[in-house]
N, C-alpha and C. Protein backbone atom coordinates (compact mmCIF):
# COMPACT_ATOMS: atom_id res chain seq x y z
N MET A 1 130.10 212.46 286.71
CA MET A 1 128.87 211.73 286.87
C MET A 1 128.90 211.02 288.22
N GLY A 2 127.75 210.89 288.83
CA GLY A 2 127.65 210.23 290.12
C GLY A 2 127.73 208.72 289.98
N HIS A 3 127.40 208.04 291.04
CA HIS A 3 127.39 206.58 291.00
C HIS A 3 126.11 206.08 291.65
N GLY A 4 125.77 204.82 291.37
CA GLY A 4 124.57 204.22 291.92
C GLY A 4 123.31 204.92 291.44
N PRO A 5 122.34 205.07 292.33
CA PRO A 5 121.08 205.71 291.95
C PRO A 5 121.27 207.13 291.40
N ASP A 6 122.28 207.84 291.89
CA ASP A 6 122.54 209.20 291.38
C ASP A 6 122.89 209.17 289.90
N ALA A 7 123.64 208.17 289.47
CA ALA A 7 124.02 208.06 288.07
C ALA A 7 122.79 207.81 287.19
N VAL A 8 121.88 206.97 287.67
CA VAL A 8 120.66 206.70 286.90
C VAL A 8 119.79 207.96 286.86
N HIS A 9 119.70 208.67 287.97
CA HIS A 9 118.93 209.92 288.00
C HIS A 9 119.50 210.92 286.99
N GLU A 10 120.81 211.00 286.91
CA GLU A 10 121.45 211.91 285.95
C GLU A 10 121.10 211.53 284.51
N LEU A 11 121.03 210.23 284.22
CA LEU A 11 120.64 209.79 282.88
C LEU A 11 119.21 210.22 282.56
N ILE A 12 118.34 210.12 283.55
CA ILE A 12 116.94 210.53 283.37
C ILE A 12 116.88 212.02 283.08
N GLU A 13 117.61 212.80 283.87
CA GLU A 13 117.61 214.26 283.67
C GLU A 13 118.21 214.64 282.31
N GLU A 14 119.32 213.99 281.94
CA GLU A 14 119.97 214.29 280.66
C GLU A 14 119.05 213.99 279.48
N SER A 15 118.16 213.03 279.66
CA SER A 15 117.22 212.66 278.60
C SER A 15 116.05 213.62 278.52
N GLY A 16 115.92 214.50 279.52
CA GLY A 16 114.83 215.46 279.53
C GLY A 16 113.52 214.88 280.03
N TRP A 17 113.60 213.73 280.69
CA TRP A 17 112.38 213.09 281.19
C TRP A 17 112.07 213.58 282.60
N SER A 18 110.86 213.30 283.03
CA SER A 18 110.48 213.59 284.41
C SER A 18 109.83 212.34 284.98
N TYR A 19 109.78 212.29 286.28
CA TYR A 19 109.17 211.14 286.96
C TYR A 19 107.65 211.24 286.86
N PRO A 20 106.96 210.11 286.87
CA PRO A 20 107.46 208.75 286.94
C PRO A 20 108.09 208.30 285.62
N VAL A 21 109.05 207.38 285.73
CA VAL A 21 109.75 206.84 284.58
C VAL A 21 109.68 205.32 284.65
N SER A 22 109.28 204.71 283.54
CA SER A 22 109.23 203.25 283.51
C SER A 22 110.61 202.68 283.20
N THR A 23 110.89 201.53 283.76
CA THR A 23 112.18 200.89 283.48
C THR A 23 112.23 200.43 282.03
N ARG A 24 111.09 200.12 281.46
CA ARG A 24 111.05 199.72 280.05
C ARG A 24 111.55 200.87 279.17
N ARG A 25 111.14 202.08 279.50
CA ARG A 25 111.59 203.25 278.73
C ARG A 25 113.10 203.42 278.84
N LEU A 26 113.62 203.26 280.04
CA LEU A 26 115.07 203.36 280.24
C LEU A 26 115.80 202.27 279.47
N GLU A 27 115.30 201.05 279.55
CA GLU A 27 115.95 199.93 278.86
C GLU A 27 115.92 200.10 277.35
N ARG A 28 114.81 200.59 276.82
CA ARG A 28 114.71 200.78 275.37
C ARG A 28 115.64 201.89 274.88
N SER A 29 115.73 202.96 275.66
CA SER A 29 116.50 204.12 275.22
C SER A 29 118.00 204.00 275.47
N MET A 30 118.38 203.31 276.55
CA MET A 30 119.80 203.27 276.93
C MET A 30 120.22 201.89 277.44
N PRO A 31 119.96 200.82 276.72
CA PRO A 31 120.24 199.49 277.26
C PRO A 31 121.72 199.22 277.54
N MET A 32 122.59 199.80 276.74
CA MET A 32 124.02 199.52 276.89
C MET A 32 124.76 200.60 277.68
N GLU A 33 124.01 201.55 278.23
CA GLU A 33 124.63 202.63 279.01
C GLU A 33 125.33 202.04 280.22
N ASN A 34 126.56 202.43 280.43
CA ASN A 34 127.34 201.94 281.56
C ASN A 34 127.09 202.84 282.76
N VAL A 35 126.74 202.24 283.90
CA VAL A 35 126.42 202.99 285.11
C VAL A 35 127.41 202.63 286.21
N ALA A 36 128.06 203.62 286.77
CA ALA A 36 128.96 203.39 287.91
C ALA A 36 128.11 203.01 289.12
N ILE A 37 128.45 201.90 289.77
CA ILE A 37 127.65 201.47 290.92
C ILE A 37 128.29 201.86 292.24
N ASP A 38 129.57 202.27 292.20
CA ASP A 38 130.22 202.69 293.44
C ASP A 38 131.36 203.66 293.14
N GLU A 39 131.94 204.20 294.19
CA GLU A 39 133.03 205.17 294.06
C GLU A 39 134.32 204.54 293.54
N ASP A 40 134.43 203.21 293.64
CA ASP A 40 135.64 202.52 293.21
C ASP A 40 135.71 202.32 291.70
N GLY A 41 134.66 202.70 291.00
CA GLY A 41 134.67 202.57 289.56
C GLY A 41 134.03 201.30 289.04
N ASN A 42 133.50 200.47 289.92
CA ASN A 42 132.77 199.29 289.45
C ASN A 42 131.54 199.77 288.71
N SER A 43 131.21 199.08 287.63
CA SER A 43 130.06 199.51 286.84
C SER A 43 129.35 198.31 286.24
N MET A 44 128.16 198.58 285.74
CA MET A 44 127.40 197.56 285.02
C MET A 44 126.48 198.27 284.04
N MET A 45 125.99 197.53 283.07
CA MET A 45 125.08 198.12 282.09
C MET A 45 123.76 198.44 282.77
N LEU A 46 123.14 199.52 282.33
CA LEU A 46 121.87 199.94 282.89
C LEU A 46 120.83 198.83 282.81
N SER A 47 120.78 198.12 281.69
CA SER A 47 119.79 197.05 281.55
C SER A 47 120.00 195.95 282.58
N GLU A 48 121.27 195.62 282.89
CA GLU A 48 121.56 194.62 283.92
C GLU A 48 121.13 195.10 285.30
N LEU A 49 121.42 196.36 285.60
CA LEU A 49 121.06 196.93 286.89
C LEU A 49 119.55 196.91 287.08
N LEU A 50 118.81 197.30 286.06
CA LEU A 50 117.35 197.32 286.17
C LEU A 50 116.78 195.91 286.28
N GLN A 51 117.40 194.96 285.60
CA GLN A 51 116.95 193.57 285.69
C GLN A 51 117.19 193.03 287.09
N GLU A 52 118.34 193.34 287.67
CA GLU A 52 118.65 192.90 289.04
C GLU A 52 117.68 193.50 290.05
N ALA A 53 117.29 194.75 289.82
CA ALA A 53 116.38 195.44 290.75
C ALA A 53 114.96 194.89 290.65
N ASP A 54 114.59 194.36 289.48
CA ASP A 54 113.27 193.76 289.26
C ASP A 54 112.15 194.73 289.63
N VAL A 55 112.18 195.91 289.03
CA VAL A 55 111.15 196.93 289.25
C VAL A 55 110.57 197.36 287.91
N ASP A 56 109.37 197.93 287.94
CA ASP A 56 108.70 198.38 286.72
C ASP A 56 108.83 199.87 286.45
N ARG A 57 108.90 200.66 287.54
CA ARG A 57 108.95 202.10 287.36
C ARG A 57 109.49 202.78 288.60
N PHE A 58 109.87 204.03 288.41
CA PHE A 58 110.32 204.87 289.51
C PHE A 58 109.37 206.05 289.59
N GLU A 59 108.70 206.19 290.72
CA GLU A 59 107.72 207.26 290.89
C GLU A 59 108.38 208.63 291.05
N ASP A 60 109.52 208.65 291.72
CA ASP A 60 110.27 209.89 291.94
C ASP A 60 111.70 209.51 292.30
N ARG A 61 112.52 210.52 292.55
CA ARG A 61 113.94 210.24 292.83
C ARG A 61 114.11 209.41 294.10
N ALA A 62 113.32 209.69 295.11
CA ALA A 62 113.42 208.91 296.36
C ALA A 62 113.08 207.45 296.11
N ASP A 63 112.10 207.20 295.26
CA ASP A 63 111.72 205.83 294.92
C ASP A 63 112.86 205.14 294.17
N LEU A 64 113.50 205.86 293.26
CA LEU A 64 114.64 205.33 292.52
C LEU A 64 115.76 204.95 293.48
N GLU A 65 116.06 205.83 294.42
CA GLU A 65 117.13 205.56 295.39
C GLU A 65 116.77 204.38 296.29
N ARG A 66 115.52 204.29 296.68
CA ARG A 66 115.08 203.20 297.55
C ARG A 66 115.17 201.84 296.83
N LYS A 67 114.88 201.83 295.54
CA LYS A 67 114.86 200.57 294.79
C LYS A 67 116.24 200.17 294.25
N LEU A 68 117.04 201.13 293.83
CA LEU A 68 118.34 200.80 293.24
C LEU A 68 119.49 200.82 294.23
N GLY A 69 119.37 201.57 295.31
CA GLY A 69 120.44 201.66 296.30
C GLY A 69 120.91 200.31 296.81
N PRO A 70 119.99 199.46 297.29
CA PRO A 70 120.41 198.15 297.80
C PRO A 70 121.06 197.27 296.73
N VAL A 71 120.56 197.34 295.52
CA VAL A 71 121.12 196.53 294.43
C VAL A 71 122.55 196.98 294.13
N CYS A 72 122.77 198.29 294.09
CA CYS A 72 124.12 198.81 293.83
C CYS A 72 125.08 198.42 294.95
N ARG A 73 124.62 198.50 296.20
CA ARG A 73 125.48 198.12 297.33
C ARG A 73 125.83 196.64 297.27
N GLU A 74 124.85 195.78 296.97
CA GLU A 74 125.11 194.34 296.88
C GLU A 74 126.09 194.03 295.76
N GLU A 75 125.90 194.63 294.61
CA GLU A 75 126.81 194.41 293.48
C GLU A 75 128.22 194.90 293.82
N SER A 76 128.31 196.04 294.46
CA SER A 76 129.61 196.58 294.85
C SER A 76 130.32 195.65 295.82
N GLU A 77 129.60 195.16 296.82
CA GLU A 77 130.19 194.24 297.80
C GLU A 77 130.62 192.94 297.15
N ALA A 78 129.84 192.46 296.18
CA ALA A 78 130.18 191.21 295.50
C ALA A 78 131.45 191.36 294.67
N ARG A 79 131.74 192.57 294.23
CA ARG A 79 132.91 192.80 293.39
C ARG A 79 134.14 193.22 294.19
N THR A 80 133.97 193.46 295.47
CA THR A 80 135.09 193.86 296.31
C THR A 80 135.95 192.64 296.61
N VAL A 81 137.22 192.77 296.34
CA VAL A 81 138.16 191.68 296.56
C VAL A 81 138.95 191.99 297.82
N GLY A 82 138.98 191.03 298.73
CA GLY A 82 139.73 191.20 299.97
C GLY A 82 141.21 190.96 299.77
N ILE A 83 141.96 191.03 300.83
CA ILE A 83 143.41 190.86 300.77
C ILE A 83 143.79 189.48 300.25
N LEU A 84 143.06 188.45 300.67
CA LEU A 84 143.35 187.10 300.20
C LEU A 84 143.14 187.00 298.69
N GLY A 85 142.08 187.61 298.20
CA GLY A 85 141.82 187.61 296.77
C GLY A 85 142.91 188.32 295.98
N ARG A 86 143.42 189.40 296.53
CA ARG A 86 144.51 190.13 295.87
C ARG A 86 145.79 189.30 295.81
N VAL A 87 146.08 188.59 296.90
CA VAL A 87 147.27 187.73 296.93
C VAL A 87 147.12 186.62 295.89
N LYS A 88 145.95 185.99 295.84
CA LYS A 88 145.71 184.93 294.85
C LYS A 88 145.87 185.48 293.43
N ARG A 89 145.31 186.65 293.18
CA ARG A 89 145.38 187.25 291.86
C ARG A 89 146.83 187.56 291.49
N THR A 90 147.62 187.99 292.45
CA THR A 90 149.02 188.32 292.21
C THR A 90 149.81 187.09 291.78
N PHE A 91 149.59 185.97 292.48
CA PHE A 91 150.39 184.78 292.22
C PHE A 91 149.79 183.84 291.18
N PHE A 92 148.48 183.83 291.05
CA PHE A 92 147.84 182.87 290.16
C PHE A 92 147.14 183.50 288.96
N GLY A 93 147.20 184.80 288.86
CA GLY A 93 146.62 185.49 287.71
C GLY A 93 145.22 185.75 287.86
């Protein structure tokens, strides 16, 4: 499975849906679905991702990528731990 917008697109395809797709439909059908947001394996629930994006629908795949791409990148960056964070985690748990 892909990550970020590609992962959400795959969920839409696996469900047999076509664009446009409302976020309400996605949230109702797969609220607890775990979506990989980056190549490092960071993930979040689909409902959380859609809430962060604050959108109502995706007109097509390009629209989905345009709306979810920045949110996935921001979440990924927020979860990235630098060298100092790793040292702290090693010594302080």
